[in-house]
Amino acid sequence: MNIRLAEVKDIKQLIQMRWDFTIEHDESKKEASFNDFASECQAFLENALKGNQWFIWVAEEKERVVSHIFIELIYKVPRPGRKTYPFTYMTNVYTIPEYRNKGIGSKLLSSINKWIKENNYEFVIVWASDESVNYYKKNGYIPCTEPMEYFPS
């Protein structure tokens, strides 16, 4: 199992995995246009891989991406008297079904946790689904109170 940052060669697999992840959790999304989605996702991923705001981590086996985690850096406003480091937002955590429950996601998350520590990122925030709470807990994450939200109408 190879754990690394995603590359341009991974884009087609990442698009398909994002589609599969969405359909797995909401079958009604099958009605959406895959081509429209793929075009939008392709542009997002190309920009993400060129920039320094998104870091897409993958676990691959024999050149097949089997798991991924997306990390976005969130920069904070500097504060007097201390060095300000960004925090990270974790999203789009997915392992293809036949590779689940084999420790791959935990190995991937462990690599990311090490990277976060080495880069002095302040903390990680992730909105865990009910099904994934134990996955995060066993990897050192702790529950926190819900954030507040505002939805403009």
Protein backbone atom coordinates (compact mmCIF):
# COMPACT_ATOMS: atom_id res chain seq x y z
CA MET A 1 0.00 0.00 0.00
CA ASN A 2 1.45 3.34 -1.07
CA ILE A 3 0.30 6.50 0.74
CA ARG A 4 1.04 9.79 -1.01
CA LEU A 5 -0.33 13.10 -2.18
CA ALA A 6 -2.55 12.88 -5.25
CA GLU A 7 -1.20 13.70 -8.68
CA VAL A 8 -2.79 14.72 -11.98
CA LYS A 9 -2.77 11.05 -13.06
CA ASP A 10 -5.26 10.32 -10.22
CA ILE A 11 -7.95 12.78 -11.31
CA LYS A 12 -10.13 10.32 -13.26
CA GLN A 13 -10.11 7.87 -10.35
CA LEU A 14 -10.87 10.64 -7.83
CA ILE A 15 -13.82 11.84 -9.94
CA GLN A 16 -15.26 8.32 -10.10
CA MET A 17 -14.72 7.81 -6.35
CA ARG A 18 -16.49 11.09 -5.51
CA TRP A 19 -19.42 10.03 -7.70
CA ASP A 20 -19.55 6.56 -6.10
CA PHE A 21 -19.31 8.04 -2.58
CA THR A 22 -22.25 10.36 -3.28
CA ILE A 23 -24.43 7.67 -4.86
CA GLU A 24 -23.65 5.25 -2.03
CA HIS A 25 -25.14 7.71 0.46
CA ASP A 26 -27.93 9.16 -1.71
CA GLU A 27 -29.25 7.01 -4.55
CA SER A 28 -31.42 9.88 -5.81
CA LYS A 29 -28.23 11.57 -7.06
CA LYS A 30 -27.99 8.90 -9.79
CA GLU A 31 -30.35 11.13 -11.77
CA ALA A 32 -27.66 13.83 -11.99
CA SER A 33 -25.54 14.11 -15.10
CA PHE A 34 -22.23 12.32 -14.58
CA ASN A 35 -20.67 14.33 -17.41
CA ASP A 36 -21.65 17.68 -15.86
CA PHE A 37 -20.36 16.53 -12.49
CA ALA A 38 -17.12 15.15 -13.99
CA SER A 39 -16.43 18.42 -15.79
CA GLU A 40 -16.92 20.48 -12.62
CA CYS A 41 -14.93 18.04 -10.48
CA GLN A 42 -12.10 17.88 -13.04
CA ALA A 43 -11.71 21.68 -12.91
CA PHE A 44 -11.79 21.65 -9.10
CA LEU A 45 -9.19 18.88 -8.84
CA GLU A 46 -6.86 20.44 -11.41
CA ASN A 47 -6.91 23.73 -9.47
CA ALA A 48 -6.55 21.98 -6.13
CA LEU A 49 -3.50 20.03 -7.27
CA LYS A 50 -1.83 23.20 -8.61
CA GLY A 51 -2.44 25.27 -5.49
CA ASN A 52 -1.32 25.20 -1.88
CA GLN A 53 -4.71 25.30 -0.18
CA TRP A 54 -5.87 21.72 -0.83
CA PHE A 55 -3.92 18.54 -0.12
CA ILE A 56 -5.47 15.35 -1.43
CA TRP A 57 -4.02 12.24 0.16
CA VAL A 58 -4.46 8.83 -1.43
CA ALA A 59 -3.76 5.22 -0.61
CA GLU A 60 -3.05 3.21 -3.71
CA GLU A 61 -2.49 -0.42 -4.47
CA LYS A 62 -1.00 -1.39 -7.84
CA GLU A 63 -1.69 2.13 -9.20
CA ARG A 64 -5.35 1.97 -8.13
CA VAL A 65 -6.49 4.65 -5.69
CA VAL A 66 -8.45 2.76 -3.03
CA SER A 67 -8.87 5.46 -0.39
CA HIS A 68 -8.56 9.22 -0.17
CA ILE A 69 -8.84 12.13 2.24
CA PHE A 70 -9.06 15.79 1.23
CA ILE A 71 -7.46 18.42 3.49
CA GLU A 72 -8.01 22.16 3.10
CA LEU A 73 -5.81 24.65 4.89
CA ILE A 74 -7.75 27.42 6.63
CA TYR A 75 -5.63 30.48 7.31
CA LYS A 76 -6.39 32.46 10.44
CA VAL A 77 -6.05 36.17 11.01
CA PRO A 78 -2.74 36.79 12.86
CA ARG A 79 -2.92 37.64 16.53
CA PRO A 80 -0.32 39.68 18.46
CA GLY A 81 2.01 37.74 20.72
CA ARG A 82 1.98 34.39 18.98
CA LYS A 83 2.81 32.72 15.71
CA THR A 84 -0.34 31.98 13.74
CA TYR A 85 -0.59 28.63 12.00
CA PRO A 86 -3.47 27.49 9.80
CA PHE A 87 -5.85 24.79 10.89
CA THR A 88 -7.11 22.06 8.58
CA TYR A 89 -10.51 21.04 7.38
CA MET A 90 -10.82 17.34 6.52
CA THR A 91 -13.47 16.23 4.06
CA ASN A 92 -14.31 13.66 1.41
CA VAL A 93 -12.91 10.73 3.39
CA TYR A 94 -13.63 7.61 1.38
CA THR A 95 -12.43 4.05 0.91
CA ILE A 96 -13.87 1.90 -1.85
CA PRO A 97 -16.09 -0.85 -0.39
CA GLU A 98 -13.89 -3.89 -1.09
CA TYR A 99 -10.97 -2.27 0.77
CA ARG A 100 -12.87 -1.25 3.91
CA ASN A 101 -12.18 -2.68 7.36
CA LYS A 102 -8.60 -3.60 6.44
CA GLY A 103 -6.86 -0.72 8.22
CA ILE A 104 -6.17 1.26 5.04
CA GLY A 105 -8.14 4.32 6.14
CA SER A 106 -6.40 4.31 9.51
CA LYS A 107 -2.97 4.11 7.85
CA LEU A 108 -3.91 7.00 5.59
CA LEU A 109 -5.22 9.04 8.52
CA SER A 110 -2.11 8.25 10.56
CA SER A 111 0.09 9.60 7.75
CA ILE A 112 -2.00 12.75 7.61
CA ASN A 113 -1.87 13.19 11.39
CA LYS A 114 1.93 12.96 11.24
CA TRP A 115 2.02 15.52 8.39
CA ILE A 116 -0.26 17.85 10.35
CA LYS A 117 2.03 17.67 13.39
CA GLU A 118 5.20 18.16 11.31
CA ASN A 119 3.71 21.27 9.69
CA ASN A 120 2.50 22.79 12.97
CA TYR A 121 -1.09 23.04 11.80
CA GLU A 122 -3.11 24.06 14.83
CA PHE A 123 -5.87 21.43 14.69
CA VAL A 124 -8.09 19.40 12.37
CA ILE A 125 -11.81 19.77 12.07
CA VAL A 126 -13.96 17.08 10.49
CA TRP A 127 -17.72 16.60 10.52
CA ALA A 128 -17.98 12.88 11.09
CA SER A 129 -21.01 10.91 10.01
CA ASP A 130 -22.62 8.76 12.69
CA GLU A 131 -21.08 5.69 11.02
CA SER A 132 -17.54 7.11 11.10
CA VAL A 133 -17.32 8.44 14.67
CA ASN A 134 -15.55 5.31 15.96
CA TYR A 135 -13.05 5.44 13.07
CA TYR A 136 -12.01 8.92 14.11
CA LYS A 137 -12.01 8.12 17.83
CA LYS A 138 -9.67 5.15 17.38
CA ASN A 139 -7.33 7.45 15.45
CA GLY A 140 -7.05 10.06 18.20
CA TYR A 141 -9.89 12.41 17.34
CA ILE A 142 -12.24 13.70 20.02
CA PRO A 143 -15.85 14.85 19.67
CA CYS A 144 -16.51 18.57 19.91
CA THR A 145 -19.62 20.67 20.09
CA GLU A 146 -21.39 21.49 16.88
CA PRO A 147 -20.53 24.76 15.16
CA MET A 148 -23.15 27.37 14.51
CA GLU A 149 -24.44 27.78 10.99
CA TYR A 150 -26.12 30.48 8.96
CA PHE A 151 -28.01 29.72 5.78
CA PRO A 152 -28.93 32.80 3.75
CA SER A 153 -32.44 32.59 2.35
